[in-house]
Amino acid sequence: MYERNYKLLRSKFGEFFFPTLFTSMAGNICLFVDGLMVSFLLGASNLAPIQIVAPVITFVNLIYWMIGLGGSVLCSVSKAEFDDERSNGYFSVSIISLVSIGILITILGLLFSGNIAHFLCLSQPELVFDVSSYFIALIIGMPFLCYMMSLSYFIRADGIPSLPFRAILVANIVNICFDVIYIKFFGMGISGAALATSTGYIVGSILISYYFIKKERTLEFIKLKVNSFFNFLKKIMTSGFSSASTQLYLTLKLLVINFLVGLTIGKSGVVAFSICYNSLFILYIFLIGTAQTMSPIVSVYFKEEDYSGVDYVVKRSLKIVLASSLALSVLFIVYPQALLFLYSVKNPADVPVVLNALRIFAISYAGTAITFLYTFYSQAIQKNQLSTIISLLEGFVLPISAAAILSYPLGGNGIWISFAIAEALTIVFIFFYSRYINKKTDGEYTGFFINKHNDDNVFEHTISGDVEDAVNLSRDVQDYLKDNKSATFVSLAIEEMLVNIINTNESVDTIDVIVRDNKDNILISIKDTGVEFNPVIENEELKFDNIAVLNKIADKIDYSRVLGLNSTVITIKN
């Protein structure tokens, strides 16, 4: 008797995870190192202007997350539904919209740079000049950032995860190298750090465009009417806002916290908050890498009602983010001096403030990991309203409320504690919400992640790429369905499909077969990692190609190449 061993999912998760993790690492480590370079070359006090401009970056992140990530998830879902035209529509609208918006942001930023700098420096007016210089040089690169990051989401969804990693890695290496060139050799000061960042975005955009000449890509630009374009854009923004809203609330949170810290503690507090915020870049390597690996896989498997597959991916993702967050939390609570050394914090007024802030702030890491992952998960299973509520609570309402309330009696400590309180209360909300959904659906949705379970009439199997295994499995399925009049047809359809997959490939390690016995029909879902093979199209060059038999047996066959897998769904009516 065959059982599902999740080898295919484990392999696919690993295939996506490591390039995505390295892509996240390339982005976040280089942002972390970028701050170190500024501290080393210009002094830790110059972290304050960078921290004050941080809300601008998170606002741009909001735009490309909402449209780029939202569009890529819908693109994956469309592929799972075997609708290539719609998936290309989401791709076209997302990329065109983001490049246009990026250009608009740059134009408006340059026109109103003085007003923006004064607004950002309400509690620290003496920093207006430095903030303005940094902002102007940074805003030039925004169209390239939007293009590079949004395209990376679609490339990963198209099953080519290594290209975004290489492009973003090179972009950030260029950034760090030009930090030294612009600051040390050209004497450009803090504006040189921003210009180096923009230079990196430009180089990364050029490299990631190599996607358009790759033979294995499946996405392409298509022409759309104006009404269709904006209908697509509305759906994309609605889908993407739930997870992207984390960046909106982060933008607002940074504006308020920067103001409160500057007002309550002064410039030393802003430096401390900058280092605390930069410490999150290390954590987000694992959080973003894991969440963006999980999201497209969960969206496809949930759409196909493969709930045990969803459960496997979510549990694997949760273990990774919890392990990484707890390890970093312990490290910075026990030894916060490491970051002081790295950031060259030597001012006697800054040292105790930074040490204290880091120890308290690090308590929030594990909570951040859980809520961050849950936000992406909610979007992947199309529960956008829940994702938005979680983002609003964790990213804005709870931390700002706690900071505003606690800063008065506890001073700076109240602000640092507010982050951990916000995460804890958000997790409590998720727990009670999941219990409510469980009762409301009479147990249909269960657990903290409110996932469904495969019914008793669903049979899951994994075989290796061996003809004998394929024949034996088809017989076992016939035994499962012995009381069903279509059992013989189902058995024959599975055997024909599996044998053709095996013969089409030199080797294929794992094939997942799921058989769902519904009232009106039987659905056979088959996934394999082999070369592209569409059973609807008969190949006369293959002598062993008996796929014509399958097409006569089946009432409907749907095929798509999704997540780098052949995904075939065969329908046989009862």
Protein backbone atom coordinates (compact mmCIF):
# COMPACT_ATOMS: atom_id res chain seq x y z
CA MET A 1 0.00 0.00 0.00
CA TYR A 2 1.37 3.41 -0.98
CA GLU A 3 1.27 6.48 1.25
CA ARG A 4 2.21 10.09 0.69
CA ASN A 5 5.71 10.83 1.98
CA TYR A 6 5.86 14.58 1.15
CA LYS A 7 9.21 14.10 -0.56
CA LEU A 8 8.07 16.17 -3.53
CA LEU A 9 6.86 19.01 -1.32
CA ARG A 10 9.99 18.85 0.81
CA SER A 11 12.13 19.00 -2.31
CA LYS A 12 10.12 21.85 -3.81
CA PHE A 13 10.20 23.80 -0.53
CA GLY A 14 13.97 23.39 -0.38
CA GLU A 15 14.34 24.35 -4.04
CA PHE A 16 12.44 27.60 -3.40
CA PHE A 17 13.62 28.22 0.15
CA PHE A 18 17.37 28.48 -0.29
CA PRO A 19 17.38 30.84 -3.29
CA THR A 20 14.62 32.91 -1.65
CA LEU A 21 16.51 32.89 1.65
CA PHE A 22 19.69 33.95 -0.13
CA THR A 23 17.73 36.65 -1.98
CA SER A 24 16.42 37.90 1.36
CA MET A 25 19.91 37.57 2.80
CA ALA A 26 21.37 39.54 -0.08
CA GLY A 27 18.90 42.34 0.55
CA ASN A 28 18.82 42.40 4.34
CA ILE A 29 22.44 41.63 5.16
CA CYS A 30 23.53 44.30 2.72
CA LEU A 31 21.11 46.78 4.32
CA PHE A 32 22.61 45.78 7.66
CA VAL A 33 26.15 46.12 6.33
CA ASP A 34 25.20 49.40 4.64
CA GLY A 35 24.41 50.81 8.09
CA LEU A 36 27.72 49.45 9.40
CA MET A 37 29.59 51.16 6.57
CA VAL A 38 27.96 54.51 7.32
CA SER A 39 28.75 54.13 11.03
CA PHE A 40 32.35 53.17 10.30
CA LEU A 41 33.01 55.85 7.69
CA LEU A 42 30.94 58.73 9.11
CA GLY A 43 30.23 57.81 12.74
CA ALA A 44 27.21 56.23 14.51
CA SER A 45 25.53 59.63 14.91
CA ASN A 46 24.85 59.62 11.16
CA LEU A 47 22.50 56.68 11.62
CA ALA A 48 19.94 59.18 12.93
CA PRO A 49 19.22 60.84 9.52
CA ILE A 50 19.02 57.40 7.88
CA GLN A 51 16.54 56.23 10.51
CA ILE A 52 14.43 59.35 10.00
CA VAL A 53 14.23 58.66 6.23
CA ALA A 54 13.36 54.97 6.85
CA PRO A 55 9.57 55.60 6.55
CA VAL A 56 10.13 56.62 2.92
CA ILE A 57 11.68 53.23 2.12
CA THR A 58 8.91 51.34 3.92
CA PHE A 59 6.32 53.36 1.98
CA VAL A 60 7.92 52.32 -1.32
CA ASN A 61 8.07 48.74 0.02
CA LEU A 62 4.31 49.02 0.55
CA ILE A 63 3.81 49.86 -3.13
CA TYR A 64 5.87 47.05 -4.63
CA TRP A 65 4.72 44.49 -2.04
CA MET A 66 1.07 45.34 -2.68
CA ILE A 67 1.29 45.20 -6.47
CA GLY A 68 4.28 42.90 -7.03
CA LEU A 69 3.65 40.29 -4.36
CA GLY A 70 -0.13 40.56 -4.69
CA GLY A 71 0.08 40.14 -8.45
CA SER A 72 2.46 37.17 -8.20
CA VAL A 73 0.14 35.32 -5.80
CA LEU A 74 -2.83 35.85 -8.15
CA CYS A 75 -0.62 34.79 -11.04
CA SER A 76 0.19 31.51 -9.22
CA VAL A 77 -3.50 30.93 -8.48
CA SER A 78 -4.38 31.54 -12.14
CA LYS A 79 -1.78 29.00 -13.21
CA ALA A 80 -3.26 26.52 -10.73
CA GLU A 81 -6.61 27.15 -12.44
CA PHE A 82 -4.96 26.54 -15.86
CA ASP A 83 -5.65 30.10 -17.04
CA ASP A 84 -2.44 31.30 -18.73
CA GLU A 85 -4.03 34.42 -20.22
CA ARG A 86 -5.11 35.68 -16.81
CA SER A 87 -1.71 34.90 -15.27
CA ASN A 88 -0.03 36.91 -18.04
CA GLY A 89 -2.52 39.72 -17.43
CA TYR A 90 -1.55 39.93 -13.76
CA PHE A 91 2.13 39.92 -14.75
CA SER A 92 1.75 42.68 -17.35
CA VAL A 93 -0.36 44.99 -15.18
CA SER A 94 1.89 44.57 -12.12
CA ILE A 95 5.19 45.38 -13.84
CA ILE A 96 3.85 48.29 -15.93
CA SER A 97 2.04 49.83 -12.95
CA LEU A 98 5.02 49.59 -10.63
CA VAL A 99 7.49 51.17 -13.03
CA SER A 100 5.04 54.04 -13.65
CA ILE A 101 4.42 54.56 -9.93
CA GLY A 102 8.16 54.43 -9.20
CA ILE A 103 8.82 57.20 -11.72
CA LEU A 104 6.00 59.29 -10.22
CA ILE A 105 7.43 58.85 -6.70
CA THR A 106 10.83 60.08 -7.90
CA ILE A 107 9.38 63.16 -9.61
CA LEU A 108 7.23 64.15 -6.62
CA GLY A 109 10.07 63.41 -4.20
CA LEU A 110 12.48 65.70 -6.01
CA LEU A 111 9.90 68.49 -6.34
CA PHE A 112 8.94 68.45 -2.65
CA SER A 113 12.16 67.23 -1.03
CA GLY A 114 12.42 70.27 1.28
CA ASN A 115 8.87 69.93 2.59
CA ILE A 116 9.29 66.19 3.13
CA ALA A 117 12.56 66.67 5.05
CA HIS A 118 10.97 69.24 7.39
CA PHE A 119 8.03 66.93 8.03
CA LEU A 120 10.30 63.99 8.86
CA CYS A 121 12.36 66.11 11.29
CA LEU A 122 9.56 67.57 13.43
CA SER A 123 11.22 66.46 16.69
CA GLN A 124 14.81 66.84 15.40
CA PRO A 125 14.88 70.06 13.27
CA GLU A 126 18.67 70.26 13.44
CA LEU A 127 18.86 67.20 11.15
CA VAL A 128 16.87 68.72 8.25
CA PHE A 129 19.89 69.36 6.01
CA ASP A 130 21.36 65.86 6.39
CA VAL A 131 17.94 64.25 5.94
CA SER A 132 17.26 66.28 2.79
CA SER A 133 20.64 65.38 1.26
CA TYR A 134 20.12 61.67 1.95
CA PHE A 135 16.52 61.71 0.71
CA ILE A 136 17.27 63.37 -2.65
CA ALA A 137 20.00 60.88 -3.55
CA LEU A 138 17.87 57.93 -2.45
CA ILE A 139 14.64 58.86 -4.24
CA ILE A 140 16.39 58.67 -7.64
CA GLY A 141 16.58 54.89 -7.37
CA MET A 142 12.92 54.21 -6.56
CA PRO A 143 11.72 53.24 -10.09
CA PHE A 144 14.54 50.71 -10.31
CA LEU A 145 13.77 49.30 -6.84
CA CYS A 146 10.09 48.85 -7.74
CA TYR A 147 10.96 47.13 -11.02
CA MET A 148 13.66 44.85 -9.62
CA MET A 149 11.72 43.64 -6.57
CA SER A 150 8.34 43.19 -8.26
CA LEU A 151 9.86 41.24 -11.15
CA SER A 152 11.67 39.02 -8.64
CA TYR A 153 8.32 37.86 -7.16
CA PHE A 154 7.02 36.78 -10.57
CA ILE A 155 10.28 35.07 -11.53
CA ARG A 156 10.13 32.96 -8.35
CA ALA A 157 6.47 32.13 -9.04
CA ASP A 158 7.56 31.07 -12.53
CA GLY A 159 9.89 28.47 -11.05
CA ILE A 160 13.21 30.30 -11.65
CA PRO A 161 14.19 31.33 -8.09
CA SER A 162 17.97 31.63 -8.58
CA LEU A 163 17.90 34.65 -10.92
CA PRO A 164 16.39 37.13 -8.39
CA PHE A 165 18.95 36.02 -5.84
CA ARG A 166 21.87 36.74 -8.17
CA ALA A 167 20.47 40.11 -9.29
CA ILE A 168 19.69 41.36 -5.78
CA LEU A 169 23.00 40.05 -4.42
CA VAL A 170 24.96 41.92 -7.08
CA ALA A 171 22.83 45.05 -6.51
CA ASN A 172 23.73 45.09 -2.83
CA ILE A 173 27.39 44.30 -3.38
CA VAL A 174 27.48 47.28 -5.75
CA ASN A 175 25.77 49.34 -3.03
CA ILE A 176 28.43 48.49 -0.43
CA CYS A 177 31.33 49.04 -2.83
CA PHE A 178 30.02 52.42 -3.90
CA ASP A 179 29.50 53.39 -0.23
CA VAL A 180 33.28 53.39 0.03
CA ILE A 181 33.77 55.10 -3.36
CA TYR A 182 31.23 57.89 -2.86
CA ILE A 183 31.88 58.53 0.85
CA LYS A 184 35.60 57.94 1.25
CA PHE A 185 37.03 58.86 -2.15
CA PHE A 186 34.50 61.40 -3.42
CA GLY A 187 33.77 62.89 0.01
CA MET A 188 30.01 62.98 -0.59
CA GLY A 189 29.09 62.33 3.06
CA ILE A 190 25.71 60.86 3.90
CA SER A 191 24.27 61.62 0.45
CA GLY A 192 26.95 59.29 -0.95
CA ALA A 193 25.44 56.39 1.04
CA ALA A 194 22.04 57.02 -0.56
CA LEU A 195 23.51 57.43 -4.05
CA ALA A 196 25.33 54.10 -3.61
CA THR A 197 21.99 52.46 -2.80
CA SER A 198 20.42 53.93 -5.95
CA THR A 199 23.39 52.75 -8.03
CA GLY A 200 22.87 49.23 -6.73
CA TYR A 201 19.18 49.31 -7.70
CA ILE A 202 20.08 50.35 -11.26
CA VAL A 203 22.61 47.53 -11.70
CA GLY A 204 20.21 44.99 -10.17
CA SER A 205 17.44 46.06 -12.55
CA ILE A 206 19.68 45.47 -15.55
CA LEU A 207 20.69 42.00 -14.36
CA ILE A 208 17.19 40.78 -13.46
CA SER A 209 15.96 41.74 -16.94
CA TYR A 210 17.84 38.67 -18.20
CA TYR A 211 14.58 36.84 -17.38
CA PHE A 212 13.05 38.08 -20.62
CA ILE A 213 15.52 36.13 -22.76
CA LYS A 214 15.35 32.86 -20.78
CA LYS A 215 13.75 30.02 -22.73
CA GLU A 216 12.07 28.42 -19.70
CA ARG A 217 10.03 31.48 -18.72
CA THR A 218 6.26 31.11 -19.12
CA LEU A 219 5.13 34.67 -18.36
CA GLU A 220 4.91 37.33 -21.04
CA PHE A 221 3.48 40.80 -21.58
CA ILE A 222 0.05 41.01 -23.19
CA LYS A 223 -2.05 43.93 -24.40
CA LEU A 224 -5.06 44.87 -22.30
CA LYS A 225 -7.86 47.36 -22.77
CA VAL A 226 -7.93 50.28 -20.33
CA ASN A 227 -10.93 48.91 -18.42
CA SER A 228 -9.39 45.45 -18.19
CA PHE A 229 -6.07 46.95 -17.06
CA PHE A 230 -7.63 48.78 -14.13
CA ASN A 231 -9.85 45.82 -13.23
CA PHE A 232 -6.73 43.67 -13.00
CA LEU A 233 -4.96 46.36 -10.98
CA LYS A 234 -7.87 46.60 -8.52
CA LYS A 235 -7.81 42.84 -7.93
CA ILE A 236 -4.03 42.88 -7.51
CA MET A 237 -4.10 45.71 -4.96
CA THR A 238 -6.95 44.08 -3.05
CA SER A 239 -5.07 40.80 -2.89
CA GLY A 240 -1.70 42.32 -2.06
CA PHE A 241 -2.77 44.97 0.43
CA SER A 242 -3.27 42.50 3.28
CA SER A 243 0.40 41.49 3.46
CA ALA A 244 1.72 44.80 2.07
CA SER A 245 -0.22 46.68 4.73
CA THR A 246 2.51 45.62 7.14
CA GLN A 247 4.69 48.16 5.34
CA LEU A 248 2.00 50.85 5.53
CA TYR A 249 1.65 50.39 9.26
CA LEU A 250 5.43 50.16 9.61
CA THR A 251 5.71 53.49 7.81
CA LEU A 252 3.25 55.12 10.18
CA LYS A 253 4.79 53.36 13.18
CA LEU A 254 8.28 54.59 12.28
CA LEU A 255 7.04 58.16 11.88
CA VAL A 256 5.37 58.11 15.31
CA ILE A 257 8.13 56.16 17.13
CA ASN A 258 10.84 58.38 15.63
CA PHE A 259 8.92 61.38 16.95
CA LEU A 260 8.32 59.86 20.42
CA VAL A 261 11.93 58.68 20.77
CA GLY A 262 13.31 62.05 19.69
CA LEU A 263 10.97 63.83 22.09
CA THR A 264 11.49 61.47 25.05
CA ILE A 265 15.18 60.50 24.79
CA GLY A 266 16.71 62.77 22.15
CA LYS A 267 19.31 62.00 19.48
CA SER A 268 20.78 59.08 21.48
CA GLY A 269 17.34 57.49 21.45
CA VAL A 270 17.09 57.87 17.66
CA VAL A 271 20.51 56.21 17.27
CA ALA A 272 19.36 53.37 19.59
CA PHE A 273 16.14 52.90 17.65
CA SER A 274 18.10 52.87 14.40
CA ILE A 275 20.31 50.02 15.66
CA CYS A 276 17.27 48.12 17.02
CA TYR A 277 15.54 48.56 13.68
CA ASN A 278 18.66 47.47 11.78
CA SER A 279 18.89 44.35 13.96
CA LEU A 280 15.57 43.30 12.42
CA PHE A 281 17.28 43.06 9.03
CA ILE A 282 19.03 39.92 10.29
CA LEU A 283 15.74 38.44 11.53
CA TYR A 284 13.92 39.36 8.31
CA ILE A 285 16.42 37.28 6.32
CA PHE A 286 14.68 34.21 7.73
CA LEU A 287 11.17 35.66 7.99
CA ILE A 288 10.97 37.00 4.43
CA GLY A 289 12.83 34.02 2.98
CA THR A 290 10.46 31.58 4.68
CA ALA A 291 7.21 33.52 4.15
CA GLN A 292 7.87 34.19 0.47
CA THR A 293 8.77 30.53 -0.04
CA MET A 294 5.62 29.39 1.72
CA SER A 295 3.19 31.83 0.12
CA PRO A 296 3.06 30.65 -3.54
CA ILE A 297 3.18 26.96 -2.55
CA VAL A 298 0.34 27.33 -0.04
CA SER A 299 -1.76 29.40 -2.47
CA VAL A 300 -1.53 26.68 -5.15
CA TYR A 301 -2.09 23.71 -2.84
CA PHE A 302 -4.95 25.38 -0.94
CA LYS A 303 -6.63 26.25 -4.23
CA GLU A 304 -6.38 22.60 -5.24
CA GLU A 305 -7.85 21.57 -1.85
CA ASP A 306 -4.70 19.70 -0.88
CA TYR A 307 -4.97 20.65 2.78
CA SER A 308 -2.47 18.12 4.11
CA GLY A 309 0.09 19.62 1.73
CA VAL A 310 -0.72 23.08 3.11
CA ASP A 311 -0.34 21.78 6.66
CA TYR A 312 3.07 20.29 5.89
CA VAL A 313 4.41 23.53 4.37
CA VAL A 314 3.06 25.73 7.19
CA LYS A 315 4.53 23.55 9.96
CA ARG A 316 7.89 23.47 8.22
CA SER A 317 7.81 27.27 7.82
CA LEU A 318 6.81 27.86 11.46
CA LYS A 319 9.72 25.76 12.76
CA ILE A 320 12.21 27.77 10.72
CA VAL A 321 11.00 31.23 11.79
CA LEU A 322 10.67 30.27 15.47
CA ALA A 323 14.13 28.70 15.63
CA SER A 324 15.80 31.70 13.96
CA SER A 325 13.91 34.31 16.01
CA LEU A 326 14.60 32.63 19.36
CA ALA A 327 18.30 32.22 18.53
CA LEU A 328 18.68 35.91 17.66
CA SER A 329 16.64 36.98 20.66
CA VAL A 330 18.92 35.08 23.06
CA LEU A 331 22.03 36.42 21.30
CA PHE A 332 21.09 40.10 21.56
CA ILE A 333 19.69 39.85 25.10
CA VAL A 334 22.84 38.14 26.40
CA TYR A 335 25.40 39.95 24.25
CA PRO A 336 24.08 43.26 22.88
CA GLN A 337 27.63 44.65 22.95
CA ALA A 338 28.22 42.88 19.64
CA LEU A 339 26.05 45.41 17.80
CA LEU A 340 27.66 48.34 19.62
CA PHE A 341 31.04 47.12 18.41
CA LEU A 342 29.81 46.57 14.85
CA TYR A 343 28.19 49.99 14.66
CA SER A 344 31.16 51.76 16.26
CA VAL A 345 29.01 53.26 19.05
CA LYS A 346 31.58 55.04 21.25
CA ASN A 347 29.78 58.14 22.50
CA PRO A 348 29.38 57.70 26.32
CA ALA A 349 25.89 59.23 26.10
CA ASP A 350 24.77 56.69 23.47
CA VAL A 351 26.21 53.43 24.87
CA PRO A 352 23.88 52.81 27.88
CA VAL A 353 20.81 53.89 25.88
CA VAL A 354 21.61 51.51 23.01
CA LEU A 355 22.43 48.54 25.30
CA ASN A 356 19.21 48.93 27.24
CA ALA A 357 17.09 49.34 24.12
CA LEU A 358 18.54 46.27 22.40
CA ARG A 359 17.95 43.95 25.37
CA ILE A 360 14.30 44.94 25.69
CA PHE A 361 13.60 45.14 21.95
CA ALA A 362 14.97 41.61 21.30
CA ILE A 363 12.18 40.11 23.44
CA SER A 364 9.73 40.85 20.61
CA TYR A 365 11.51 38.76 17.94
CA ALA A 366 9.60 35.46 18.40
CA GLY A 367 6.25 37.27 18.34
CA THR A 368 7.31 39.15 15.21
CA ALA A 369 8.15 35.84 13.53
CA ILE A 370 4.72 34.31 14.23
CA THR A 371 2.64 37.33 13.22
CA PHE A 372 4.73 37.98 10.10
CA LEU A 373 4.33 34.40 8.88
CA TYR A 374 0.61 34.41 9.69
CA THR A 375 0.08 37.57 7.64
CA PHE A 376 1.52 35.92 4.54
CA TYR A 377 -0.34 32.68 5.23
CA SER A 378 -3.68 34.49 5.51
CA GLN A 379 -3.13 36.14 2.15
CA ALA A 380 -2.08 32.85 0.52
CA ILE A 381 -5.38 31.18 1.51
CA GLN A 382 -7.32 34.24 0.31
CA LYS A 383 -8.34 35.46 3.79
CA ASN A 384 -7.27 39.01 3.02
CA GLN A 385 -9.48 40.65 5.64
CA LEU A 386 -7.89 38.61 8.43
CA SER A 387 -4.41 39.41 7.12
CA THR A 388 -5.26 43.13 7.07
CA ILE A 389 -6.61 43.07 10.64
CA ILE A 390 -3.47 41.31 11.91
CA SER A 391 -1.24 43.81 10.11
CA LEU A 392 -3.21 46.73 11.51
CA LEU A 393 -3.07 45.44 15.09
CA GLU A 394 0.55 44.28 15.12
CA GLY A 395 1.97 46.97 12.88
CA PHE A 396 0.26 50.09 14.08
CA VAL A 397 -2.60 50.14 16.60
CA LEU A 398 -1.04 48.08 19.42
CA PRO A 399 2.60 49.28 19.29
CA ILE A 400 1.67 52.94 18.89
CA SER A 401 -0.96 52.77 21.64
CA ALA A 402 1.41 50.96 24.00
CA ALA A 403 4.31 53.33 23.23
CA ALA A 404 2.17 56.44 23.70
CA ILE A 405 0.74 55.15 27.00
CA LEU A 406 3.93 53.67 28.49
CA SER A 407 6.36 56.40 27.40
CA TYR A 408 4.86 58.78 29.94
CA PRO A 409 5.39 56.72 33.14
CA LEU A 410 8.37 54.60 31.94
CA GLY A 411 10.13 56.95 29.50
CA GLY A 412 12.27 55.23 26.87
CA ASN A 413 11.75 51.78 28.42
CA GLY A 414 8.04 52.10 27.80
CA ILE A 415 8.70 52.60 24.07
CA TRP A 416 10.99 49.55 23.81
CA ILE A 417 8.57 47.33 25.80
CA SER A 418 5.65 48.34 23.57
CA PHE A 419 6.97 46.21 20.67
CA ALA A 420 6.85 42.95 22.67
CA ILE A 421 3.42 43.81 24.08
CA ALA A 422 2.04 44.43 20.59
CA GLU A 423 3.26 41.04 19.33
CA ALA A 424 1.88 39.16 22.36
CA LEU A 425 -1.56 40.76 22.13
CA THR A 426 -1.74 40.07 18.37
CA ILE A 427 -1.00 36.37 18.94
CA VAL A 428 -3.73 36.27 21.60
CA PHE A 429 -6.15 37.76 19.07
CA ILE A 430 -5.21 35.13 16.44
CA PHE A 431 -5.69 32.32 18.98
CA PHE A 432 -9.20 33.41 19.95
CA TYR A 433 -10.10 34.11 16.31
CA SER A 434 -9.06 30.59 15.28
CA ARG A 435 -11.17 29.13 18.12
CA TYR A 436 -14.13 31.21 16.93
CA ILE A 437 -13.75 30.00 13.32
CA ASN A 438 -13.48 26.40 14.52
CA LYS A 439 -16.81 26.64 16.35
CA LYS A 440 -18.49 28.66 13.60
CA THR A 441 -17.63 26.05 10.93
CA ASP A 442 -18.39 23.05 13.18
CA GLY A 443 -14.78 21.93 13.04
CA GLU A 444 -14.33 22.30 9.28
CA TYR A 445 -11.45 24.71 9.97
CA THR A 446 -9.17 23.66 12.82
CA GLY A 447 -5.95 24.68 14.54
CA PHE A 448 -4.09 27.94 15.01
CA PHE A 449 -3.70 28.29 11.22
CA ILE A 450 -7.41 27.53 10.57
CA ASN A 451 -6.69 24.96 7.89
CA LYS A 452 -9.10 22.34 6.58
CA HIS A 453 -8.37 18.62 6.57
CA ASN A 454 -8.63 16.24 3.64
CA ASP A 455 -11.82 14.21 3.83
CA ASP A 456 -11.94 10.42 4.20
CA ASN A 457 -12.75 10.19 0.50
CA VAL A 458 -9.35 11.63 -0.42
CA PHE A 459 -6.47 9.21 -1.00
CA GLU A 460 -2.89 10.49 -1.16
CA HIS A 461 -0.03 8.52 -2.67
CA THR A 462 3.64 9.05 -3.54
CA ILE A 463 5.58 6.82 -5.91
CA SER A 464 9.05 6.87 -7.39
CA GLY A 465 9.55 7.15 -11.14
CA ASP A 466 9.21 3.45 -11.77
CA VAL A 467 6.75 1.78 -14.19
CA GLU A 468 6.16 -1.14 -11.84
CA ASP A 469 5.23 1.27 -9.04
CA ALA A 470 2.85 3.06 -11.39
CA VAL A 471 1.08 -0.18 -12.35
CA ASN A 472 0.85 -1.34 -8.73
CA LEU A 473 -0.53 2.03 -7.62
CA SER A 474 -3.24 1.93 -10.30
CA ARG A 475 -4.33 -1.46 -8.96
CA ASP A 476 -4.39 -0.20 -5.37
CA VAL A 477 -6.56 2.75 -6.39
CA GLN A 478 -8.95 0.35 -8.11
CA ASP A 479 -9.20 -1.59 -4.84
CA TYR A 480 -9.91 1.67 -2.96
CA LEU A 481 -12.74 2.45 -5.36
CA LYS A 482 -14.05 -1.09 -5.77
CA ASP A 483 -17.63 0.00 -4.96
CA ASN A 484 -17.52 2.77 -7.57
CA LYS A 485 -18.56 1.97 -11.15
CA SER A 486 -15.77 4.24 -12.48
CA ALA A 487 -13.01 2.42 -10.58
CA THR A 488 -11.63 0.66 -13.67
CA PHE A 489 -11.52 3.87 -15.71
CA VAL A 490 -9.78 5.72 -12.86
CA SER A 491 -7.22 2.93 -12.51
CA LEU A 492 -6.51 2.93 -16.24
CA ALA A 493 -6.27 6.74 -16.40
CA ILE A 494 -3.72 6.80 -13.56
CA GLU A 495 -1.64 4.03 -15.15
CA GLU A 496 -1.58 5.72 -18.57
CA MET A 497 -0.67 9.12 -17.12
CA LEU A 498 2.06 7.84 -14.81
CA VAL A 499 3.65 5.60 -17.43
CA ASN A 500 3.79 8.51 -19.88
CA ILE A 501 5.39 10.78 -17.25
CA ILE A 502 8.01 8.15 -16.47
CA ASN A 503 8.78 7.42 -20.13
CA THR A 504 9.00 11.12 -21.01
CA ASN A 505 11.80 11.67 -18.47
CA GLU A 506 15.23 10.13 -18.18
CA SER A 507 14.57 10.05 -14.45
CA VAL A 508 11.85 11.40 -12.16
CA ASP A 509 12.28 10.76 -8.45
CA THR A 510 8.85 11.52 -7.05
CA ILE A 511 5.26 11.68 -8.28
CA ASP A 512 2.36 12.69 -6.03
CA VAL A 513 -1.06 11.25 -6.84
CA ILE A 514 -4.23 12.39 -5.06
CA VAL A 515 -7.60 10.79 -5.81
CA ARG A 516 -10.74 12.56 -4.58
CA ASP A 517 -14.05 10.66 -4.77
CA ASN A 518 -16.82 13.26 -5.04
CA LYS A 519 -20.53 12.63 -5.49
CA ASP A 520 -20.63 13.48 -9.19
CA ASN A 521 -17.08 12.76 -10.26
CA ILE A 522 -13.65 11.52 -9.35
CA LEU A 523 -10.72 13.97 -9.50
CA ILE A 524 -7.19 12.69 -10.03
CA SER A 525 -4.48 15.25 -9.21
CA ILE A 526 -0.94 14.39 -10.31
CA LYS A 527 2.20 16.43 -9.71
CA ASP A 528 5.71 15.62 -10.87
CA THR A 529 9.05 17.38 -11.22
CA GLY A 530 9.79 16.14 -14.72
CA VAL A 531 10.07 17.99 -18.01
CA GLU A 532 7.00 19.84 -19.24
CA PHE A 533 4.42 17.30 -20.36
CA ASN A 534 0.89 18.29 -21.38
CA PRO A 535 -1.33 15.19 -21.65
CA VAL A 536 -3.92 17.08 -23.68
CA ILE A 537 -1.45 17.29 -26.57
CA GLU A 538 -0.61 13.97 -28.16
CA ASN A 539 3.02 13.56 -29.21
CA GLU A 540 3.34 11.41 -32.34
CA GLU A 541 7.13 11.26 -31.97
CA LEU A 542 6.82 9.13 -28.82
CA LYS A 543 6.22 5.45 -29.65
CA PHE A 544 5.11 4.74 -26.10
CA ASP A 545 2.68 7.70 -26.03
CA ASN A 546 -0.71 6.05 -25.37
CA ILE A 547 -2.13 9.32 -24.08
CA ALA A 548 -4.96 9.02 -26.62
CA VAL A 549 -6.39 6.33 -24.35
CA LEU A 550 -6.36 8.75 -21.43
CA ASN A 551 -8.11 11.46 -23.43
CA LYS A 552 -10.90 9.00 -24.34
CA ILE A 553 -11.37 7.88 -20.73
CA ALA A 554 -11.32 11.32 -19.09
CA ASP A 555 -14.23 13.74 -19.20
CA LYS A 556 -11.85 16.65 -18.64
CA ILE A 557 -8.08 17.14 -18.35
CA ASP A 558 -6.52 20.34 -17.03
CA TYR A 559 -2.78 20.93 -17.21
CA SER A 560 -0.49 23.70 -16.01
CA ARG A 561 3.19 24.20 -15.36
CA VAL A 562 3.16 25.81 -11.91
CA LEU A 563 5.94 26.26 -9.32
CA GLY A 564 8.23 24.37 -11.69
CA LEU A 565 5.94 21.29 -11.45
CA ASN A 566 3.70 19.55 -13.94
CA SER A 567 0.24 19.84 -12.41
CA THR A 568 -2.44 17.69 -14.06
CA VAL A 569 -6.05 17.29 -12.92
CA ILE A 570 -8.13 14.55 -14.56
CA THR A 571 -11.91 14.48 -14.11
CA ILE A 572 -13.91 11.28 -14.58
CA LYS A 573 -17.66 11.44 -14.03
CA ASN A 574 -19.38 8.81 -11.88
